[in-house]
Amino acid sequence: MARVFRIVLPVSDIKRATAFYETVFAVKGERVSPGRHYVKLGDVILACVDAAAEADQKRPPPLSEHIYIAVNDLEGVWARARLAGAQYENLVEEGAGPLGVIATRPWGERSVYLKDPFGNPLCFVDERTVFRG
């Protein structure tokens, strides 16, 4: 059986990424190298990687698709994300409704869409409403 155990998020400032993700999820992460900070979310590690701090020549762009993260306190996580510097727009996507606010989607999930300070798209979902298809 295969399973996802780590997701890499490209960031341009490892200190800011550490502060952002530890604040949003109210957990302490672990610095594993000069440009790599791990935040454990259940069985999956969210790995913030600052290529410049790792002395990598390649500078990857932000992710192109959302990472969906189930949380047990959607309002609290969203409030902390805004205070920590989340980027969001109150856009409406056809079939999904308003993205930058907490809303119940047509498929039943209560969620909010945003970007971290580095442009990585995220979606926080109330864990009681996760739709698995």
N, C-alpha and C. Protein backbone atom coordinates (compact mmCIF):
# COMPACT_ATOMS: atom_id res chain seq x y z
N MET A 1 0.84 -1.18 0.00
CA MET A 1 0.00 0.00 0.00
C MET A 1 0.89 1.25 0.00
N ALA A 2 0.57 2.21 -0.82
CA ALA A 2 1.29 3.47 -0.87
C ALA A 2 0.55 4.52 -0.05
N ARG A 3 1.28 5.51 0.43
CA ARG A 3 0.65 6.60 1.17
C ARG A 3 1.51 7.85 1.04
N VAL A 4 0.88 8.99 1.08
CA VAL A 4 1.58 10.27 1.07
C VAL A 4 2.09 10.54 2.48
N PHE A 5 3.36 10.88 2.62
CA PHE A 5 3.88 11.18 3.96
C PHE A 5 4.53 12.56 4.05
N ARG A 6 4.82 13.21 2.89
CA ARG A 6 5.43 14.54 2.93
C ARG A 6 4.99 15.33 1.71
N ILE A 7 4.65 16.58 1.93
CA ILE A 7 4.32 17.52 0.85
C ILE A 7 5.29 18.68 0.98
N VAL A 8 5.95 19.02 -0.13
CA VAL A 8 6.94 20.09 -0.13
C VAL A 8 6.30 21.38 -0.63
N LEU A 9 6.43 22.43 0.18
CA LEU A 9 5.96 23.76 -0.19
C LEU A 9 7.17 24.65 -0.46
N PRO A 10 7.32 25.18 -1.66
CA PRO A 10 8.43 26.10 -1.91
C PRO A 10 8.15 27.44 -1.23
N VAL A 11 9.13 27.93 -0.49
CA VAL A 11 9.01 29.23 0.19
C VAL A 11 10.28 30.03 -0.09
N SER A 12 10.19 31.33 0.06
CA SER A 12 11.36 32.18 -0.20
C SER A 12 11.97 32.75 1.07
N ASP A 13 11.40 32.44 2.22
CA ASP A 13 11.92 32.93 3.50
C ASP A 13 11.54 31.90 4.56
N ILE A 14 12.51 31.07 4.94
CA ILE A 14 12.22 29.96 5.85
C ILE A 14 11.76 30.45 7.22
N LYS A 15 12.28 31.57 7.69
CA LYS A 15 11.84 32.09 9.00
C LYS A 15 10.39 32.53 8.95
N ARG A 16 10.02 33.22 7.88
CA ARG A 16 8.63 33.66 7.73
C ARG A 16 7.70 32.46 7.55
N ALA A 17 8.14 31.47 6.78
CA ALA A 17 7.32 30.27 6.58
C ALA A 17 7.12 29.53 7.90
N THR A 18 8.18 29.43 8.70
CA THR A 18 8.08 28.78 10.00
C THR A 18 7.05 29.49 10.86
N ALA A 19 7.15 30.82 10.93
CA ALA A 19 6.21 31.60 11.74
C ALA A 19 4.78 31.44 11.22
N PHE A 20 4.61 31.49 9.90
CA PHE A 20 3.27 31.39 9.32
C PHE A 20 2.63 30.06 9.66
N TYR A 21 3.28 28.96 9.31
CA TYR A 21 2.66 27.65 9.48
C TYR A 21 2.53 27.23 10.94
N GLU A 22 3.48 27.58 11.78
CA GLU A 22 3.34 27.26 13.20
C GLU A 22 2.22 28.07 13.83
N THR A 23 2.02 29.31 13.38
CA THR A 23 0.92 30.13 13.88
C THR A 23 -0.42 29.59 13.39
N VAL A 24 -0.53 29.34 12.11
CA VAL A 24 -1.79 28.88 11.53
C VAL A 24 -2.27 27.60 12.19
N PHE A 25 -1.39 26.62 12.34
CA PHE A 25 -1.80 25.32 12.86
C PHE A 25 -1.57 25.17 14.36
N ALA A 26 -1.03 26.20 15.01
CA ALA A 26 -0.81 26.19 16.45
C ALA A 26 -0.04 24.95 16.89
N VAL A 27 1.01 24.62 16.12
CA VAL A 27 1.89 23.50 16.44
C VAL A 27 3.34 23.95 16.27
N LYS A 28 4.21 23.29 16.97
CA LYS A 28 5.64 23.55 16.84
C LYS A 28 6.19 22.60 15.79
N GLY A 29 6.91 23.15 14.84
CA GLY A 29 7.55 22.32 13.82
C GLY A 29 8.97 21.99 14.19
N GLU A 30 9.72 21.51 13.20
CA GLU A 30 11.12 21.13 13.44
C GLU A 30 11.97 21.58 12.26
N ARG A 31 13.04 22.34 12.55
CA ARG A 31 14.00 22.73 11.52
C ARG A 31 14.90 21.53 11.29
N VAL A 32 14.94 21.04 10.06
CA VAL A 32 15.74 19.85 9.77
C VAL A 32 16.99 20.17 8.97
N SER A 33 17.08 21.38 8.44
CA SER A 33 18.28 21.87 7.76
C SER A 33 18.12 23.39 7.64
N PRO A 34 19.14 24.10 7.17
CA PRO A 34 19.03 25.56 7.14
C PRO A 34 17.82 26.11 6.38
N GLY A 35 17.37 25.42 5.36
CA GLY A 35 16.26 25.90 4.57
C GLY A 35 15.07 24.97 4.54
N ARG A 36 14.97 24.09 5.52
CA ARG A 36 13.88 23.10 5.52
C ARG A 36 13.28 23.02 6.91
N HIS A 37 11.97 23.26 6.98
CA HIS A 37 11.26 23.22 8.26
C HIS A 37 10.04 22.32 8.10
N TYR A 38 9.90 21.33 8.98
CA TYR A 38 8.80 20.37 8.91
C TYR A 38 7.73 20.71 9.95
N VAL A 39 6.48 20.66 9.50
CA VAL A 39 5.34 20.80 10.39
C VAL A 39 4.50 19.55 10.20
N LYS A 40 4.32 18.79 11.27
CA LYS A 40 3.58 17.54 11.18
C LYS A 40 2.08 17.82 11.31
N LEU A 41 1.35 17.38 10.28
CA LEU A 41 -0.11 17.50 10.26
C LEU A 41 -0.68 16.08 10.14
N GLY A 42 -1.02 15.49 11.27
CA GLY A 42 -1.46 14.10 11.26
C GLY A 42 -0.32 13.21 10.81
N ASP A 43 -0.57 12.38 9.80
CA ASP A 43 0.45 11.46 9.29
C ASP A 43 1.28 12.07 8.17
N VAL A 44 1.00 13.31 7.81
CA VAL A 44 1.69 13.95 6.69
C VAL A 44 2.54 15.11 7.20
N ILE A 45 3.74 15.21 6.67
CA ILE A 45 4.65 16.32 7.00
C ILE A 45 4.51 17.39 5.95
N LEU A 46 4.23 18.61 6.39
CA LEU A 46 4.25 19.76 5.51
C LEU A 46 5.66 20.31 5.57
N ALA A 47 6.40 20.18 4.48
CA ALA A 47 7.82 20.57 4.45
C ALA A 47 7.97 21.90 3.74
N CYS A 48 8.29 22.94 4.49
CA CYS A 48 8.58 24.25 3.92
C CYS A 48 10.04 24.23 3.50
N VAL A 49 10.30 24.51 2.22
CA VAL A 49 11.67 24.43 1.71
C VAL A 49 12.03 25.74 1.02
N ASP A 50 13.05 26.39 1.56
CA ASP A 50 13.62 27.62 1.01
C ASP A 50 14.86 27.23 0.23
N ALA A 51 14.74 27.17 -1.09
CA ALA A 51 15.84 26.69 -1.94
C ALA A 51 17.10 27.53 -1.76
N ALA A 52 16.96 28.83 -1.62
CA ALA A 52 18.13 29.69 -1.45
C ALA A 52 18.87 29.35 -0.16
N ALA A 53 18.14 29.12 0.91
CA ALA A 53 18.77 28.77 2.19
C ALA A 53 19.39 27.38 2.15
N GLU A 54 18.95 26.55 1.21
CA GLU A 54 19.51 25.21 1.02
C GLU A 54 20.66 25.23 0.01
N ALA A 55 20.99 26.43 -0.52
CA ALA A 55 22.04 26.62 -1.52
C ALA A 55 21.73 25.91 -2.84
N ASP A 56 20.44 25.72 -3.12
CA ASP A 56 20.03 25.14 -4.40
C ASP A 56 19.99 26.24 -5.45
N GLN A 57 20.45 25.94 -6.64
CA GLN A 57 20.41 26.91 -7.73
C GLN A 57 18.99 27.08 -8.27
N LYS A 58 18.22 26.00 -8.26
CA LYS A 58 16.86 26.03 -8.77
C LYS A 58 15.93 26.69 -7.75
N ARG A 59 15.12 27.62 -8.20
CA ARG A 59 14.15 28.30 -7.33
C ARG A 59 12.75 27.97 -7.84
N PRO A 60 12.13 26.95 -7.27
CA PRO A 60 10.81 26.54 -7.76
C PRO A 60 9.74 27.60 -7.51
N PRO A 61 8.79 27.72 -8.42
CA PRO A 61 7.68 28.66 -8.22
C PRO A 61 6.69 28.09 -7.20
N PRO A 62 5.72 28.89 -6.77
CA PRO A 62 4.68 28.35 -5.88
C PRO A 62 3.96 27.19 -6.56
N LEU A 63 3.31 26.37 -5.76
CA LEU A 63 2.53 25.26 -6.28
C LEU A 63 1.44 25.79 -7.20
N SER A 64 1.04 24.99 -8.17
CA SER A 64 0.01 25.43 -9.11
C SER A 64 -1.40 25.02 -8.69
N GLU A 65 -1.51 24.04 -7.82
CA GLU A 65 -2.83 23.55 -7.39
C GLU A 65 -2.94 23.59 -5.87
N HIS A 66 -4.17 23.67 -5.39
CA HIS A 66 -4.42 23.74 -3.95
C HIS A 66 -4.02 22.45 -3.23
N ILE A 67 -3.55 22.63 -2.02
CA ILE A 67 -3.41 21.53 -1.07
C ILE A 67 -4.60 21.65 -0.13
N TYR A 68 -5.33 20.57 0.06
CA TYR A 68 -6.51 20.57 0.92
C TYR A 68 -6.13 20.01 2.28
N ILE A 69 -6.41 20.79 3.32
CA ILE A 69 -6.02 20.42 4.68
C ILE A 69 -7.26 20.44 5.57
N ALA A 70 -7.60 19.29 6.13
CA ALA A 70 -8.73 19.19 7.04
C ALA A 70 -8.31 19.71 8.41
N VAL A 71 -9.15 20.52 9.01
CA VAL A 71 -8.85 21.11 10.33
C VAL A 71 -10.07 20.97 11.23
N ASN A 72 -9.84 20.92 12.54
CA ASN A 72 -10.97 20.75 13.47
C ASN A 72 -11.53 22.08 13.96
N ASP A 73 -10.88 23.20 13.64
CA ASP A 73 -11.36 24.52 14.04
C ASP A 73 -11.17 25.47 12.86
N LEU A 74 -12.06 25.36 11.88
CA LEU A 74 -11.92 26.13 10.65
C LEU A 74 -11.86 27.63 10.91
N GLU A 75 -12.74 28.13 11.75
CA GLU A 75 -12.76 29.58 12.03
C GLU A 75 -11.45 30.03 12.69
N GLY A 76 -10.96 29.24 13.64
CA GLY A 76 -9.71 29.60 14.32
C GLY A 76 -8.51 29.56 13.39
N VAL A 77 -8.42 28.52 12.57
CA VAL A 77 -7.31 28.40 11.61
C VAL A 77 -7.35 29.56 10.62
N TRP A 78 -8.54 29.88 10.13
CA TRP A 78 -8.68 30.97 9.15
C TRP A 78 -8.31 32.31 9.79
N ALA A 79 -8.73 32.54 11.01
CA ALA A 79 -8.39 33.79 11.70
C ALA A 79 -6.87 33.90 11.89
N ARG A 80 -6.23 32.81 12.32
CA ARG A 80 -4.78 32.84 12.51
C ARG A 80 -4.05 33.01 11.18
N ALA A 81 -4.57 32.40 10.12
CA ALA A 81 -3.95 32.53 8.80
C ALA A 81 -4.00 33.99 8.33
N ARG A 82 -5.13 34.65 8.51
CA ARG A 82 -5.24 36.06 8.11
C ARG A 82 -4.25 36.91 8.89
N LEU A 83 -4.18 36.69 10.20
CA LEU A 83 -3.25 37.47 11.03
C LEU A 83 -1.80 37.19 10.67
N ALA A 84 -1.51 35.98 10.21
CA ALA A 84 -0.13 35.59 9.89
C ALA A 84 0.29 35.99 8.48
N GLY A 85 -0.64 36.55 7.69
CA GLY A 85 -0.26 37.04 6.37
C GLY A 85 -0.79 36.27 5.19
N ALA A 86 -1.85 35.48 5.38
CA ALA A 86 -2.45 34.77 4.24
C ALA A 86 -2.95 35.78 3.22
N GLN A 87 -2.85 35.39 1.97
CA GLN A 87 -3.36 36.20 0.87
C GLN A 87 -4.68 35.58 0.43
N TYR A 88 -5.65 36.40 0.17
CA TYR A 88 -6.93 35.89 -0.30
C TYR A 88 -7.66 36.98 -1.06
N GLU A 89 -8.54 36.53 -1.91
CA GLU A 89 -9.40 37.43 -2.65
C GLU A 89 -10.82 36.92 -2.52
N ASN A 90 -11.73 37.82 -2.42
CA ASN A 90 -13.13 37.42 -2.34
C ASN A 90 -13.68 37.20 -3.74
N LEU A 91 -13.12 36.23 -4.41
CA LEU A 91 -13.58 35.88 -5.74
C LEU A 91 -14.65 34.80 -5.63
N VAL A 92 -15.43 34.67 -6.65
CA VAL A 92 -16.43 33.61 -6.70
C VAL A 92 -16.09 32.71 -7.87
N GLU A 93 -15.95 31.43 -7.59
CA GLU A 93 -15.68 30.45 -8.64
C GLU A 93 -16.98 29.73 -8.96
N GLU A 94 -17.29 29.64 -10.24
CA GLU A 94 -18.53 28.98 -10.64
C GLU A 94 -18.58 27.57 -10.05
N GLY A 95 -19.65 27.29 -9.36
CA GLY A 95 -19.84 25.98 -8.76
C GLY A 95 -19.22 25.83 -7.38
N ALA A 96 -18.34 26.77 -6.98
CA ALA A 96 -17.68 26.66 -5.68
C ALA A 96 -18.10 27.76 -4.72
N GLY A 97 -18.61 28.86 -5.24
CA GLY A 97 -19.01 29.97 -4.39
C GLY A 97 -17.83 30.86 -4.05
N PRO A 98 -17.97 31.68 -3.00
CA PRO A 98 -16.90 32.61 -2.62
C PRO A 98 -15.68 31.86 -2.09
N LEU A 99 -14.51 32.19 -2.59
CA LEU A 99 -13.30 31.45 -2.23
C LEU A 99 -12.60 32.01 -1.00
N GLY A 100 -12.57 33.32 -0.82
CA GLY A 100 -11.83 33.94 0.27
C GLY A 100 -12.59 34.07 1.56
N VAL A 101 -13.72 33.37 1.66
CA VAL A 101 -14.51 33.37 2.89
C VAL A 101 -14.91 31.93 3.19
N ILE A 102 -15.21 31.66 4.43
CA ILE A 102 -15.70 30.33 4.78
C ILE A 102 -17.09 30.17 4.19
N ALA A 103 -17.28 29.09 3.46
CA ALA A 103 -18.57 28.83 2.83
C ALA A 103 -18.75 27.32 2.69
N THR A 104 -19.99 26.90 2.57
CA THR A 104 -20.29 25.50 2.28
C THR A 104 -20.36 25.35 0.77
N ARG A 105 -19.52 24.47 0.24
CA ARG A 105 -19.45 24.24 -1.20
C ARG A 105 -20.58 23.31 -1.64
N PRO A 106 -20.91 23.31 -2.93
CA PRO A 106 -22.00 22.46 -3.42
C PRO A 106 -21.81 20.98 -3.10
N TRP A 107 -20.57 20.53 -2.93
CA TRP A 107 -20.31 19.12 -2.61
C TRP A 107 -20.34 18.87 -1.11
N GLY A 108 -20.68 19.91 -0.32
CA GLY A 108 -20.92 19.74 1.11
C GLY A 108 -19.79 20.15 2.04
N GLU A 109 -18.61 20.44 1.51
CA GLU A 109 -17.50 20.84 2.39
C GLU A 109 -17.64 22.30 2.81
N ARG A 110 -17.40 22.56 4.10
CA ARG A 110 -17.23 23.93 4.59
C ARG A 110 -15.75 24.22 4.50
N SER A 111 -15.40 25.26 3.75
CA SER A 111 -13.98 25.50 3.50
C SER A 111 -13.70 26.95 3.18
N VAL A 112 -12.41 27.26 3.12
CA VAL A 112 -11.94 28.58 2.69
C VAL A 112 -10.68 28.37 1.87
N TYR A 113 -10.58 29.10 0.78
CA TYR A 113 -9.43 29.04 -0.11
C TYR A 113 -8.56 30.26 0.12
N LEU A 114 -7.23 30.09 0.08
CA LEU A 114 -6.29 31.18 0.32
C LEU A 114 -4.95 30.83 -0.30
N LYS A 115 -4.02 31.77 -0.17
CA LYS A 115 -2.63 31.50 -0.54
C LYS A 115 -1.76 31.86 0.66
N ASP A 116 -0.70 31.07 0.85
CA ASP A 116 0.24 31.42 1.91
C ASP A 116 1.03 32.64 1.45
N PRO A 117 1.88 33.22 2.30
CA PRO A 117 2.62 34.43 1.92
C PRO A 117 3.55 34.25 0.71
N PHE A 118 3.73 33.01 0.27
CA PHE A 118 4.65 32.71 -0.84
C PHE A 118 3.90 32.36 -2.12
N GLY A 119 2.56 32.44 -2.07
CA GLY A 119 1.75 32.19 -3.24
C GLY A 119 1.28 30.76 -3.40
N ASN A 120 1.56 29.89 -2.43
CA ASN A 120 1.09 28.50 -2.52
C ASN A 120 -0.40 28.45 -2.20
N PRO A 121 -1.22 27.87 -3.10
CA PRO A 121 -2.67 27.81 -2.86
C PRO A 121 -3.03 26.71 -1.87
N LEU A 122 -3.86 27.07 -0.90
CA LEU A 122 -4.30 26.16 0.14
C LEU A 122 -5.81 26.21 0.26
N CYS A 123 -6.39 25.16 0.76
CA CYS A 123 -7.81 25.14 1.11
C CYS A 123 -7.93 24.46 2.46
N PHE A 124 -8.47 25.17 3.43
CA PHE A 124 -8.73 24.60 4.74
C PHE A 124 -10.18 24.13 4.76
N VAL A 125 -10.38 22.89 5.19
CA VAL A 125 -11.70 22.27 5.18
C VAL A 125 -12.07 21.82 6.59
N ASP A 126 -13.29 22.14 7.01
CA ASP A 126 -13.80 21.64 8.29
C ASP A 126 -13.78 20.11 8.22
N GLU A 127 -13.04 19.47 9.14
CA GLU A 127 -12.86 18.03 9.07
C GLU A 127 -14.17 17.24 9.15
N ARG A 128 -15.20 17.83 9.73
CA ARG A 128 -16.50 17.13 9.83
C ARG A 128 -17.24 17.09 8.50
N THR A 129 -16.74 17.87 7.50
CA THR A 129 -17.45 17.95 6.23
C THR A 129 -16.63 17.46 5.05
N VAL A 130 -15.48 16.84 5.30
CA VAL A 130 -14.61 16.38 4.20
C VAL A 130 -15.38 15.45 3.28
N PHE A 131 -15.33 15.77 1.98
CA PHE A 131 -15.98 14.96 0.95
C PHE A 131 -14.93 14.06 0.33
N ARG A 132 -15.15 12.77 0.36
CA ARG A 132 -14.17 11.81 -0.17
C ARG A 132 -14.61 11.19 -1.49
N GLY A 133 -15.73 11.62 -2.02
CA GLY A 133 -16.18 11.16 -3.32
C GLY A 133 -16.96 9.89 -3.27
